[in-house]
Amino acid sequence: MPNHSMPKERVEYGLDQIAADRGVTVSLRDLMYIHQTLAEYLQFFHQPLHYPDLEAVHEFLGSKGSSGVYDILSESLYRRMNKMLPEDIHQAFDDGKIFEHPLAPTYFDER
């Protein structure tokens, strides 16, 4: 039995508990903000030359209040997506049952 979960496993965990035809209505502007946020991460990380060292990654991420991608990811997840999710999904997150993979990711280990 593995000791850790892989990112894909963590992202997909519990999604089978949501009916495939269930939907929500979202603001196109908010959806585009989230799309552009993910595109910014992909644009940076798809090319290893963009991050030749750890300092380059730190610069890209920035810190809270720096207008780096940490700030836009936080805005996407905690403000924009938060209002898109129905109450039962919020409750499932609060309960920590349905969407929390039982195995920790490798980055939780001390290095």
PDB file of N, CA and C in Angstrom:
ATOM      1  N   MET A   1       0.851  -1.183   0.000  1.00  0.00           N
ATOM      2  CA  MET A   1       0.000   0.000   0.000  1.00  0.00           C
ATOM      3  C   MET A   1       0.895   1.245   0.000  1.00  0.00           C
ATOM      4  N   PRO A   2       0.589   2.215  -0.872  1.00  0.00           N
ATOM      5  CA  PRO A   2       1.414   3.424  -0.931  1.00  0.00           C
ATOM      6  C   PRO A   2       1.249   4.293   0.326  1.00  0.00           C
ATOM      7  N   ASN A   3       2.265   5.098   0.588  1.00  0.00           N
ATOM      8  CA  ASN A   3       2.239   6.005   1.742  1.00  0.00           C
ATOM      9  C   ASN A   3       1.733   7.394   1.382  1.00  0.00           C
ATOM     10  N   HIS A   4       1.688   7.687   0.092  1.00  0.00           N
ATOM     11  CA  HIS A   4       1.325   9.026  -0.360  1.00  0.00           C
ATOM     12  C   HIS A   4       0.355   8.956  -1.536  1.00  0.00           C
ATOM     13  N   SER A   5      -0.331  10.052  -1.762  1.00  0.00           N
ATOM     14  CA  SER A   5      -1.211  10.156  -2.925  1.00  0.00           C
ATOM     15  C   SER A   5      -0.557  11.071  -3.957  1.00  0.00           C
ATOM     16  N   MET A   6      -0.860  10.798  -5.195  1.00  0.00           N
ATOM     17  CA  MET A   6      -0.353  11.600  -6.307  1.00  0.00           C
ATOM     18  C   MET A   6      -1.321  12.760  -6.554  1.00  0.00           C
ATOM     19  N   PRO A   7      -0.831  13.862  -7.137  1.00  0.00           N
ATOM     20  CA  PRO A   7      -1.704  15.024  -7.370  1.00  0.00           C
ATOM     21  C   PRO A   7      -2.988  14.684  -8.125  1.00  0.00           C
ATOM     22  N   LYS A   8      -2.893  13.884  -9.182  1.00  0.00           N
ATOM     23  CA  LYS A   8      -4.089  13.528  -9.964  1.00  0.00           C
ATOM     24  C   LYS A   8      -5.097  12.784  -9.092  1.00  0.00           C
ATOM     25  N   GLU A   9      -4.608  11.883  -8.253  1.00  0.00           N
ATOM     26  CA  GLU A   9      -5.494  11.146  -7.337  1.00  0.00           C
ATOM     27  C   GLU A   9      -6.181  12.103  -6.368  1.00  0.00           C
ATOM     28  N   ARG A  10      -5.446  13.101  -5.873  1.00  0.00           N
ATOM     29  CA  ARG A  10      -5.995  14.058  -4.910  1.00  0.00           C
ATOM     30  C   ARG A  10      -7.068  14.933  -5.562  1.00  0.00           C
ATOM     31  N   VAL A  11      -6.819  15.347  -6.785  1.00  0.00           N
ATOM     32  CA  VAL A  11      -7.773  16.204  -7.498  1.00  0.00           C
ATOM     33  C   VAL A  11      -9.056  15.443  -7.812  1.00  0.00           C
ATOM     34  N   GLU A  12      -8.934  14.187  -8.212  1.00  0.00           N
ATOM     35  CA  GLU A  12     -10.103  13.413  -8.630  1.00  0.00           C
ATOM     36  C   GLU A  12     -10.839  12.739  -7.473  1.00  0.00           C
ATOM     37  N   TYR A  13     -10.240  12.725  -6.291  1.00  0.00           N
ATOM     38  CA  TYR A  13     -10.821  12.007  -5.158  1.00  0.00           C
ATOM     39  C   TYR A  13     -12.195  12.588  -4.783  1.00  0.00           C
ATOM     40  N   GLY A  14     -13.181  11.721  -4.743  1.00  0.00           N
ATOM     41  CA  GLY A  14     -14.527  12.100  -4.329  1.00  0.00           C
ATOM     42  C   GLY A  14     -15.411  12.651  -5.436  1.00  0.00           C
ATOM     43  N   LEU A  15     -14.851  12.936  -6.593  1.00  0.00           N
ATOM     44  CA  LEU A  15     -15.664  13.508  -7.666  1.00  0.00           C
ATOM     45  C   LEU A  15     -16.754  12.554  -8.141  1.00  0.00           C
ATOM     46  N   ASP A  16     -16.528  11.265  -7.966  1.00  0.00           N
ATOM     47  CA  ASP A  16     -17.550  10.291  -8.373  1.00  0.00           C
ATOM     48  C   ASP A  16     -18.797  10.370  -7.494  1.00  0.00           C
ATOM     49  N   GLN A  17     -18.742  11.124  -6.410  1.00  0.00           N
ATOM     50  CA  GLN A  17     -19.901  11.308  -5.538  1.00  0.00           C
ATOM     51  C   GLN A  17     -20.847  12.399  -6.061  1.00  0.00           C
ATOM     52  N   ILE A  18     -20.422  13.093  -7.121  1.00  0.00           N
ATOM     53  CA  ILE A  18     -21.238  14.157  -7.710  1.00  0.00           C
ATOM     54  C   ILE A  18     -21.822  13.634  -9.021  1.00  0.00           C
ATOM     55  N   ALA A  19     -23.121  13.761  -9.173  1.00  0.00           N
ATOM     56  CA  ALA A  19     -23.775  13.303 -10.401  1.00  0.00           C
ATOM     57  C   ALA A  19     -23.162  14.009 -11.614  1.00  0.00           C
ATOM     58  N   ALA A  20     -22.896  13.243 -12.669  1.00  0.00           N
ATOM     59  CA  ALA A  20     -22.253  13.787 -13.857  1.00  0.00           C
ATOM     60  C   ALA A  20     -23.069  14.891 -14.519  1.00  0.00           C
ATOM     61  N   ASP A  21     -24.370  14.873 -14.348  1.00  0.00           N
ATOM     62  CA  ASP A  21     -25.217  15.878 -14.998  1.00  0.00           C
ATOM     63  C   ASP A  21     -25.557  17.059 -14.080  1.00  0.00           C
ATOM     64  N   ARG A  22     -24.989  17.080 -12.877  1.00  0.00           N
ATOM     65  CA  ARG A  22     -25.251  18.196 -11.960  1.00  0.00           C
ATOM     66  C   ARG A  22     -24.452  19.413 -12.424  1.00  0.00           C
ATOM     67  N   GLY A  23     -25.081  20.570 -12.382  1.00  0.00           N
ATOM     68  CA  GLY A  23     -24.411  21.783 -12.838  1.00  0.00           C
ATOM     69  C   GLY A  23     -24.650  22.954 -11.906  1.00  0.00           C
ATOM     70  N   VAL A  24     -23.956  24.023 -12.183  1.00  0.00           N
ATOM     71  CA  VAL A  24     -24.125  25.283 -11.468  1.00  0.00           C
ATOM     72  C   VAL A  24     -24.078  26.402 -12.504  1.00  0.00           C
ATOM     73  N   THR A  25     -24.590  27.549 -12.124  1.00  0.00           N
ATOM     74  CA  THR A  25     -24.508  28.732 -12.977  1.00  0.00           C
ATOM     75  C   THR A  25     -23.461  29.652 -12.375  1.00  0.00           C
ATOM     76  N   VAL A  26     -22.541  30.101 -13.204  1.00  0.00           N
ATOM     77  CA  VAL A  26     -21.457  30.951 -12.713  1.00  0.00           C
ATOM     78  C   VAL A  26     -21.335  32.196 -13.582  1.00  0.00           C
ATOM     79  N   SER A  27     -20.746  33.207 -12.993  1.00  0.00           N
ATOM     80  CA  SER A  27     -20.434  34.428 -13.724  1.00  0.00           C
ATOM     81  C   SER A  27     -19.333  34.123 -14.746  1.00  0.00           C
ATOM     82  N   LEU A  28     -19.542  34.505 -15.986  1.00  0.00           N
ATOM     83  CA  LEU A  28     -18.525  34.281 -17.010  1.00  0.00           C
ATOM     84  C   LEU A  28     -17.241  35.037 -16.658  1.00  0.00           C
ATOM     85  N   ARG A  29     -17.382  36.223 -16.093  1.00  0.00           N
ATOM     86  CA  ARG A  29     -16.211  37.007 -15.709  1.00  0.00           C
ATOM     87  C   ARG A  29     -15.387  36.265 -14.645  1.00  0.00           C
ATOM     88  N   ASP A  30     -16.052  35.677 -13.650  1.00  0.00           N
ATOM     89  CA  ASP A  30     -15.338  34.907 -12.626  1.00  0.00           C
ATOM     90  C   ASP A  30     -14.710  33.651 -13.215  1.00  0.00           C
ATOM     91  N   LEU A  31     -15.444  32.976 -14.083  1.00  0.00           N
ATOM     92  CA  LEU A  31     -14.907  31.781 -14.724  1.00  0.00           C
ATOM     93  C   LEU A  31     -13.664  32.123 -15.545  1.00  0.00           C
ATOM     94  N   MET A  32     -13.706  33.226 -16.260  1.00  0.00           N
ATOM     95  CA  MET A  32     -12.550  33.644 -17.055  1.00  0.00           C
ATOM     96  C   MET A  32     -11.366  34.034 -16.165  1.00  0.00           C
ATOM     97  N   TYR A  33     -11.630  34.609 -15.011  1.00  0.00           N
ATOM     98  CA  TYR A  33     -10.549  34.936 -14.077  1.00  0.00           C
ATOM     99  C   TYR A  33      -9.844  33.642 -13.653  1.00  0.00           C
ATOM    100  N   ILE A  34     -10.624  32.623 -13.334  1.00  0.00           N
ATOM    101  CA  ILE A  34     -10.061  31.339 -12.924  1.00  0.00           C
ATOM    102  C   ILE A  34      -9.329  30.690 -14.094  1.00  0.00           C
ATOM    103  N   HIS A  35      -9.909  30.761 -15.279  1.00  0.00           N
ATOM    104  CA  HIS A  35      -9.255  30.221 -16.476  1.00  0.00           C
ATOM    105  C   HIS A  35      -7.905  30.893 -16.691  1.00  0.00           C
ATOM    106  N   GLN A  36      -7.879  32.207 -16.609  1.00  0.00           N
ATOM    107  CA  GLN A  36      -6.637  32.954 -16.828  1.00  0.00           C
ATOM    108  C   GLN A  36      -5.608  32.651 -15.730  1.00  0.00           C
ATOM    109  N   THR A  37      -6.077  32.406 -14.512  1.00  0.00           N
ATOM    110  CA  THR A  37      -5.175  32.040 -13.424  1.00  0.00           C
ATOM    111  C   THR A  37      -4.491  30.709 -13.732  1.00  0.00           C
ATOM    112  N   LEU A  38      -5.284  29.701 -14.108  1.00  0.00           N
ATOM    113  CA  LEU A  38      -4.706  28.405 -14.444  1.00  0.00           C
ATOM    114  C   LEU A  38      -3.792  28.503 -15.662  1.00  0.00           C
ATOM    115  N   ALA A  39      -4.175  29.313 -16.637  1.00  0.00           N
ATOM    116  CA  ALA A  39      -3.346  29.501 -17.832  1.00  0.00           C
ATOM    117  C   ALA A  39      -2.002  30.124 -17.470  1.00  0.00           C
ATOM    118  N   GLU A  40      -2.001  31.044 -16.508  1.00  0.00           N
ATOM    119  CA  GLU A  40      -0.749  31.681 -16.072  1.00  0.00           C
ATOM    120  C   GLU A  40       0.192  30.650 -15.438  1.00  0.00           C
ATOM    121  N   TYR A  41      -0.359  29.773 -14.605  1.00  0.00           N
ATOM    122  CA  TYR A  41       0.458  28.708 -14.021  1.00  0.00           C
ATOM    123  C   TYR A  41       0.993  27.779 -15.100  1.00  0.00           C
ATOM    124  N   LEU A  42       0.138  27.378 -16.015  1.00  0.00           N
ATOM    125  CA  LEU A  42       0.559  26.474 -17.071  1.00  0.00           C
ATOM    126  C   LEU A  42       1.617  27.119 -17.961  1.00  0.00           C
ATOM    127  N   GLN A  43       1.430  28.379 -18.283  1.00  0.00           N
ATOM    128  CA  GLN A  43       2.398  29.092 -19.129  1.00  0.00           C
ATOM    129  C   GLN A  43       3.779  29.119 -18.465  1.00  0.00           C
ATOM    130  N   PHE A  44       3.789  29.320 -17.149  1.00  0.00           N
ATOM    131  CA  PHE A  44       5.076  29.352 -16.444  1.00  0.00           C
ATOM    132  C   PHE A  44       5.686  27.949 -16.339  1.00  0.00           C
ATOM    133  N   PHE A  45       4.910  26.984 -15.872  1.00  0.00           N
ATOM    134  CA  PHE A  45       5.467  25.671 -15.555  1.00  0.00           C
ATOM    135  C   PHE A  45       5.637  24.745 -16.758  1.00  0.00           C
ATOM    136  N   HIS A  46       5.062  25.069 -17.903  1.00  0.00           N
ATOM    137  CA  HIS A  46       5.232  24.170 -19.053  1.00  0.00           C
ATOM    138  C   HIS A  46       6.653  24.231 -19.607  1.00  0.00           C
ATOM    139  N   GLN A  47       7.367  25.300 -19.296  1.00  0.00           N
ATOM    140  CA  GLN A  47       8.708  25.492 -19.853  1.00  0.00           C
ATOM    141  C   GLN A  47       9.739  25.544 -18.725  1.00  0.00           C
ATOM    142  N   PRO A  48      10.519  24.493 -18.549  1.00  0.00           N
ATOM    143  CA  PRO A  48      11.507  24.479 -17.466  1.00  0.00           C
ATOM    144  C   PRO A  48      12.499  25.649 -17.506  1.00  0.00           C
ATOM    145  N   LEU A  49      12.707  26.237 -18.649  1.00  0.00           N
ATOM    146  CA  LEU A  49      13.606  27.394 -18.718  1.00  0.00           C
ATOM    147  C   LEU A  49      13.048  28.604 -17.955  1.00  0.00           C
ATOM    148  N   HIS A  50      11.746  28.593 -17.687  1.00  0.00           N
ATOM    149  CA  HIS A  50      11.146  29.687 -16.919  1.00  0.00           C
ATOM    150  C   HIS A  50      11.521  29.606 -15.437  1.00  0.00           C
ATOM    151  N   TYR A  51      11.910  28.423 -14.978  1.00  0.00           N
ATOM    152  CA  TYR A  51      12.258  28.244 -13.566  1.00  0.00           C
ATOM    153  C   TYR A  51      13.570  27.471 -13.444  1.00  0.00           C
ATOM    154  N   PRO A  52      14.654  28.156 -13.768  1.00  0.00           N
ATOM    155  CA  PRO A  52      15.953  27.485 -13.712  1.00  0.00           C
ATOM    156  C   PRO A  52      16.416  27.166 -12.292  1.00  0.00           C
ATOM    157  N   ASP A  53      15.812  27.838 -11.299  1.00  0.00           N
ATOM    158  CA  ASP A  53      16.196  27.596  -9.913  1.00  0.00           C
ATOM    159  C   ASP A  53      15.015  27.924  -8.994  1.00  0.00           C
ATOM    160  N   LEU A  54      15.181  27.612  -7.739  1.00  0.00           N
ATOM    161  CA  LEU A  54      14.108  27.827  -6.769  1.00  0.00           C
ATOM    162  C   LEU A  54      13.767  29.309  -6.623  1.00  0.00           C
ATOM    163  N   GLU A  55      14.735  30.169  -6.769  1.00  0.00           N
ATOM    164  CA  GLU A  55      14.496  31.615  -6.676  1.00  0.00           C
ATOM    165  C   GLU A  55      13.504  32.079  -7.745  1.00  0.00           C
ATOM    166  N   ALA A  56      13.595  31.529  -8.942  1.00  0.00           N
ATOM    167  CA  ALA A  56      12.668  31.893 -10.022  1.00  0.00           C
ATOM    168  C   ALA A  56      11.240  31.485  -9.669  1.00  0.00           C
ATOM    169  N   VAL A  57      11.073  30.334  -9.043  1.00  0.00           N
ATOM    170  CA  VAL A  57       9.744  29.876  -8.623  1.00  0.00           C
ATOM    171  C   VAL A  57       9.208  30.786  -7.521  1.00  0.00           C
ATOM    172  N   HIS A  58      10.054  31.116  -6.568  1.00  0.00           N
ATOM    173  CA  HIS A  58       9.633  32.023  -5.489  1.00  0.00           C
ATOM    174  C   HIS A  58       9.214  33.377  -6.039  1.00  0.00           C
ATOM    175  N   GLU A  59       9.958  33.883  -7.000  1.00  0.00           N
ATOM    176  CA  GLU A  59       9.619  35.174  -7.610  1.00  0.00           C
ATOM    177  C   GLU A  59       8.278  35.100  -8.326  1.00  0.00           C
ATOM    178  N   PHE A  60       8.046  34.023  -9.051  1.00  0.00           N
ATOM    179  CA  PHE A  60       6.783  33.827  -9.764  1.00  0.00           C
ATOM    180  C   PHE A  60       5.615  33.757  -8.787  1.00  0.00           C
ATOM    181  N   LEU A  61       5.767  32.972  -7.741  1.00  0.00           N
ATOM    182  CA  LEU A  61       4.693  32.803  -6.768  1.00  0.00           C
ATOM    183  C   LEU A  61       4.413  34.081  -5.994  1.00  0.00           C
ATOM    184  N   GLY A  62       5.453  34.788  -5.622  1.00  0.00           N
ATOM    185  CA  GLY A  62       5.273  35.968  -4.802  1.00  0.00           C
ATOM    186  C   GLY A  62       4.800  35.560  -3.419  1.00  0.00           C
ATOM    187  N   SER A  63       4.276  36.505  -2.678  1.00  0.00           N
ATOM    188  CA  SER A  63       3.741  36.233  -1.354  1.00  0.00           C
ATOM    189  C   SER A  63       2.456  37.031  -1.200  1.00  0.00           C
ATOM    190  N   LYS A  64       1.765  36.784  -0.132  1.00  0.00           N
ATOM    191  CA  LYS A  64       0.489  37.459   0.098  1.00  0.00           C
ATOM    192  C   LYS A  64       0.674  38.976  -0.002  1.00  0.00           C
ATOM    193  N   GLY A  65      -0.114  39.598  -0.876  1.00  0.00           N
ATOM    194  CA  GLY A  65      -0.060  41.040  -1.060  1.00  0.00           C
ATOM    195  C   GLY A  65       0.959  41.522  -2.071  1.00  0.00           C
ATOM    196  N   SER A  66       1.649  40.592  -2.740  1.00  0.00           N
ATOM    197  CA  SER A  66       2.701  40.982  -3.680  1.00  0.00           C
ATOM    198  C   SER A  66       2.224  41.111  -5.125  1.00  0.00           C
ATOM    199  N   SER A  67       0.963  40.777  -5.387  1.00  0.00           N
ATOM    200  CA  SER A  67       0.396  40.721  -6.743  1.00  0.00           C
ATOM    201  C   SER A  67       1.011  39.624  -7.599  1.00  0.00           C
ATOM    202  N   GLY A  68       1.670  38.666  -6.950  1.00  0.00           N
ATOM    203  CA  GLY A  68       2.186  37.493  -7.652  1.00  0.00           C
ATOM    204  C   GLY A  68       1.077  36.482  -7.861  1.00  0.00           C
ATOM    205  N   VAL A  69       1.433  35.342  -8.404  1.00  0.00           N
ATOM    206  CA  VAL A  69       0.402  34.350  -8.698  1.00  0.00           C
ATOM    207  C   VAL A  69      -0.193  33.723  -7.441  1.00  0.00           C
ATOM    208  N   TYR A  70       0.503  33.814  -6.317  1.00  0.00           N
ATOM    209  CA  TYR A  70      -0.128  33.363  -5.066  1.00  0.00           C
ATOM    210  C   TYR A  70      -1.414  34.155  -4.825  1.00  0.00           C
ATOM    211  N   ASP A  71      -1.354  35.459  -5.028  1.00  0.00           N
ATOM    212  CA  ASP A  71      -2.531  36.308  -4.816  1.00  0.00           C
ATOM    213  C   ASP A  71      -3.666  35.976  -5.780  1.00  0.00           C
ATOM    214  N   ILE A  72      -3.329  35.726  -7.047  1.00  0.00           N
ATOM    215  CA  ILE A  72      -4.420  35.441  -7.990  1.00  0.00           C
ATOM    216  C   ILE A  72      -5.001  34.043  -7.770  1.00  0.00           C
ATOM    217  N   LEU A  73      -4.173  33.108  -7.335  1.00  0.00           N
ATOM    218  CA  LEU A  73      -4.710  31.783  -7.016  1.00  0.00           C
ATOM    219  C   LEU A  73      -5.623  31.865  -5.797  1.00  0.00           C
ATOM    220  N   SER A  74      -5.212  32.613  -4.806  1.00  0.00           N
ATOM    221  CA  SER A  74      -6.033  32.803  -3.617  1.00  0.00           C
ATOM    222  C   SER A  74      -7.364  33.469  -3.975  1.00  0.00           C
ATOM    223  N   GLU A  75      -7.313  34.490  -4.798  1.00  0.00           N
ATOM    224  CA  GLU A  75      -8.538  35.165  -5.269  1.00  0.00           C
ATOM    225  C   GLU A  75      -9.439  34.176  -6.006  1.00  0.00           C
ATOM    226  N   SER A  76      -8.842  33.377  -6.875  1.00  0.00           N
ATOM    227  CA  SER A  76      -9.617  32.404  -7.656  1.00  0.00           C
ATOM    228  C   SER A  76     -10.309  31.395  -6.762  1.00  0.00           C
ATOM    229  N   LEU A  77      -9.576  30.822  -5.834  1.00  0.00           N
ATOM    230  CA  LEU A  77     -10.107  29.744  -5.012  1.00  0.00           C
ATOM    231  C   LEU A  77     -11.033  30.241  -3.905  1.00  0.00           C
ATOM    232  N   TYR A  78     -10.582  31.206  -3.150  1.00  0.00           N
ATOM    233  CA  TYR A  78     -11.313  31.598  -1.938  1.00  0.00           C
ATOM    234  C   TYR A  78     -12.417  32.617  -2.161  1.00  0.00           C
ATOM    235  N   ARG A  79     -12.330  33.398  -3.217  1.00  0.00           N
ATOM    236  CA  ARG A  79     -13.378  34.396  -3.438  1.00  0.00           C
ATOM    237  C   ARG A  79     -14.284  34.010  -4.597  1.00  0.00           C
ATOM    238  N   ARG A  80     -13.691  33.747  -5.725  1.00  0.00           N
ATOM    239  CA  ARG A  80     -14.516  33.528  -6.919  1.00  0.00           C
ATOM    240  C   ARG A  80     -15.139  32.131  -6.954  1.00  0.00           C
ATOM    241  N   MET A  81     -14.341  31.095  -6.760  1.00  0.00           N
ATOM    242  CA  MET A  81     -14.901  29.743  -6.798  1.00  0.00           C
ATOM    243  C   MET A  81     -15.770  29.462  -5.589  1.00  0.00           C
ATOM    244  N   ASN A  82     -15.434  30.048  -4.466  1.00  0.00           N
ATOM    245  CA  ASN A  82     -16.196  29.827  -3.246  1.00  0.00           C
ATOM    246  C   ASN A  82     -17.685  30.113  -3.454  1.00  0.00           C
ATOM    247  N   LYS A  83     -17.984  31.189  -4.174  1.00  0.00           N
ATOM    248  CA  LYS A  83     -19.396  31.525  -4.380  1.00  0.00           C
ATOM    249  C   LYS A  83     -20.060  30.687  -5.485  1.00  0.00           C
ATOM    250  N   MET A  84     -19.278  29.907  -6.213  1.00  0.00           N
ATOM    251  CA  MET A  84     -19.829  29.046  -7.261  1.00  0.00           C
ATOM    252  C   MET A  84     -20.330  27.715  -6.709  1.00  0.00           C
ATOM    253  N   LEU A  85     -19.777  27.285  -5.588  1.00  0.00           N
ATOM    254  CA  LEU A  85     -20.087  25.958  -5.066  1.00  0.00           C
ATOM    255  C   LEU A  85     -21.369  25.957  -4.237  1.00  0.00           C
ATOM    256  N   PRO A  86     -22.214  24.946  -4.430  1.00  0.00           N
ATOM    257  CA  PRO A  86     -23.447  24.838  -3.644  1.00  0.00           C
ATOM    258  C   PRO A  86     -23.144  24.528  -2.177  1.00  0.00           C
ATOM    259  N   GLU A  87     -24.126  24.787  -1.340  1.00  0.00           N
ATOM    260  CA  GLU A  87     -23.955  24.636   0.114  1.00  0.00           C
ATOM    261  C   GLU A  87     -23.569  23.213   0.514  1.00  0.00           C
ATOM    262  N   ASP A  88     -24.142  22.197  -0.143  1.00  0.00           N
ATOM    263  CA  ASP A  88     -23.804  20.825   0.247  1.00  0.00           C
ATOM    264  C   ASP A  88     -22.344  20.496  -0.046  1.00  0.00           C
ATOM    265  N   ILE A  89     -21.778  21.116  -1.058  1.00  0.00           N
ATOM    266  CA  ILE A  89     -20.360  20.899  -1.365  1.00  0.00           C
ATOM    267  C   ILE A  89     -19.497  21.607  -0.321  1.00  0.00           C
ATOM    268  N   HIS A  90     -19.874  22.828   0.046  1.00  0.00           N
ATOM    269  CA  HIS A  90     -19.167  23.516   1.135  1.00  0.00           C
ATOM    270  C   HIS A  90     -19.190  22.659   2.401  1.00  0.00           C
ATOM    271  N   GLN A  91     -20.345  22.084   2.700  1.00  0.00           N
ATOM    272  CA  GLN A  91     -20.474  21.259   3.898  1.00  0.00           C
ATOM    273  C   GLN A  91     -19.585  20.024   3.810  1.00  0.00           C
ATOM    274  N   ALA A  92     -19.502  19.431   2.621  1.00  0.00           N
ATOM    275  CA  ALA A  92     -18.633  18.261   2.434  1.00  0.00           C
ATOM    276  C   ALA A  92     -17.173  18.623   2.694  1.00  0.00           C
ATOM    277  N   PHE A  93     -16.749  19.802   2.254  1.00  0.00           N
ATOM    278  CA  PHE A  93     -15.385  20.256   2.548  1.00  0.00           C
ATOM    279  C   PHE A  93     -15.210  20.461   4.045  1.00  0.00           C
ATOM    280  N   ASP A  94     -16.192  21.088   4.682  1.00  0.00           N
ATOM    281  CA  ASP A  94     -16.118  21.341   6.124  1.00  0.00           C
ATOM    282  C   ASP A  94     -16.034  20.029   6.910  1.00  0.00           C
ATOM    283  N   ASP A  95     -16.773  19.033   6.459  1.00  0.00           N
ATOM    284  CA  ASP A  95     -16.771  17.734   7.127  1.00  0.00           C
ATOM    285  C   ASP A  95     -15.460  16.981   6.887  1.00  0.00           C
ATOM    286  N   GLY A  96     -14.756  17.335   5.787  1.00  0.00           N
ATOM    287  CA  GLY A  96     -13.476  16.706   5.482  1.00  0.00           C
ATOM    288  C   GLY A  96     -13.575  15.246   5.091  1.00  0.00           C
ATOM    289  N   LYS A  97     -14.718  14.831   4.569  1.00  0.00           N
ATOM    290  CA  LYS A  97     -14.906  13.419   4.279  1.00  0.00           C
ATOM    291  C   LYS A  97     -14.812  13.094   2.797  1.00  0.00           C
ATOM    292  N   ILE A  98     -15.641  13.693   1.993  1.00  0.00           N
ATOM    293  CA  ILE A  98     -15.799  13.270   0.606  1.00  0.00           C
ATOM    294  C   ILE A  98     -14.595  13.607  -0.277  1.00  0.00           C
ATOM    295  N   PHE A  99     -14.042  14.803  -0.132  1.00  0.00           N
ATOM    296  CA  PHE A  99     -13.031  15.255  -1.079  1.00  0.00           C
ATOM    297  C   PHE A  99     -11.599  15.241  -0.548  1.00  0.00           C
ATOM    298  N   GLU A 100     -11.393  14.746   0.657  1.00  0.00           N
ATOM    299  CA  GLU A 100     -10.051  14.728   1.230  1.00  0.00           C
ATOM    300  C   GLU A 100      -9.457  13.333   1.109  1.00  0.00           C
ATOM    301  N   HIS A 101      -8.442  13.217   0.278  1.00  0.00           N
ATOM    302  CA  HIS A 101      -7.799  11.923   0.059  1.00  0.00           C
ATOM    303  C   HIS A 101      -7.199  11.433   1.377  1.00  0.00           C
ATOM    304  N   PRO A 102      -7.356  10.142   1.686  1.00  0.00           N
ATOM    305  CA  PRO A 102      -6.850   9.633   2.964  1.00  0.00           C
ATOM    306  C   PRO A 102      -5.323   9.598   3.061  1.00  0.00           C
ATOM    307  N   LEU A 103      -4.641   9.599   1.911  1.00  0.00           N
ATOM    308  CA  LEU A 103      -3.175   9.592   1.934  1.00  0.00           C
ATOM    309  C   LEU A 103      -2.648  10.999   1.682  1.00  0.00           C
ATOM    310  N   ALA A 104      -1.712  11.419   2.492  1.00  0.00           N
ATOM    311  CA  ALA A 104      -1.120  12.751   2.349  1.00  0.00           C
ATOM    312  C   ALA A 104      -0.270  12.833   1.076  1.00  0.00           C
ATOM    313  N   PRO A 105      -0.085  14.043   0.555  1.00  0.00           N
ATOM    314  CA  PRO A 105       0.824  14.202  -0.583  1.00  0.00           C
ATOM    315  C   PRO A 105       2.285  14.110  -0.112  1.00  0.00           C
ATOM    316  N   THR A 106       3.177  13.828  -1.034  1.00  0.00           N
ATOM    317  CA  THR A 106       4.597  13.692  -0.670  1.00  0.00           C
ATOM    318  C   THR A 106       5.171  14.987  -0.114  1.00  0.00           C
ATOM    319  N   TYR A 107       4.645  16.132  -0.524  1.00  0.00           N
ATOM    320  CA  TYR A 107       5.216  17.390  -0.051  1.00  0.00           C
ATOM    321  C   TYR A 107       4.900  17.682   1.416  1.00  0.00           C
ATOM    322  N   PHE A 108       4.101  16.846   2.066  1.00  0.00           N
ATOM    323  CA  PHE A 108       3.883  16.992   3.504  1.00  0.00           C
ATOM    324  C   PHE A 108       5.044  16.401   4.309  1.00  0.00           C
ATOM    325  N   ASP A 109       5.851  15.560   3.675  1.00  0.00           N
ATOM    326  CA  ASP A 109       6.993  14.965   4.361  1.00  0.00           C
ATOM    327  C   ASP A 109       8.076  15.996   4.612  1.00  0.00           C
ATOM    328  N   GLU A 110       8.773  15.837   5.716  1.00  0.00           N
ATOM    329  CA  GLU A 110       9.926  16.698   5.969  1.00  0.00           C
ATOM    330  C   GLU A 110      11.029  16.299   5.006  1.00  0.00           C
ATOM    331  N   ARG A 111      11.723  17.277   4.515  1.00  0.00           N
ATOM    332  CA  ARG A 111      12.809  17.008   3.571  1.00  0.00           C
ATOM    333  C   ARG A 111      14.141  17.187   4.253  1.00  0.00           C
TER     334      ARG A 111
END
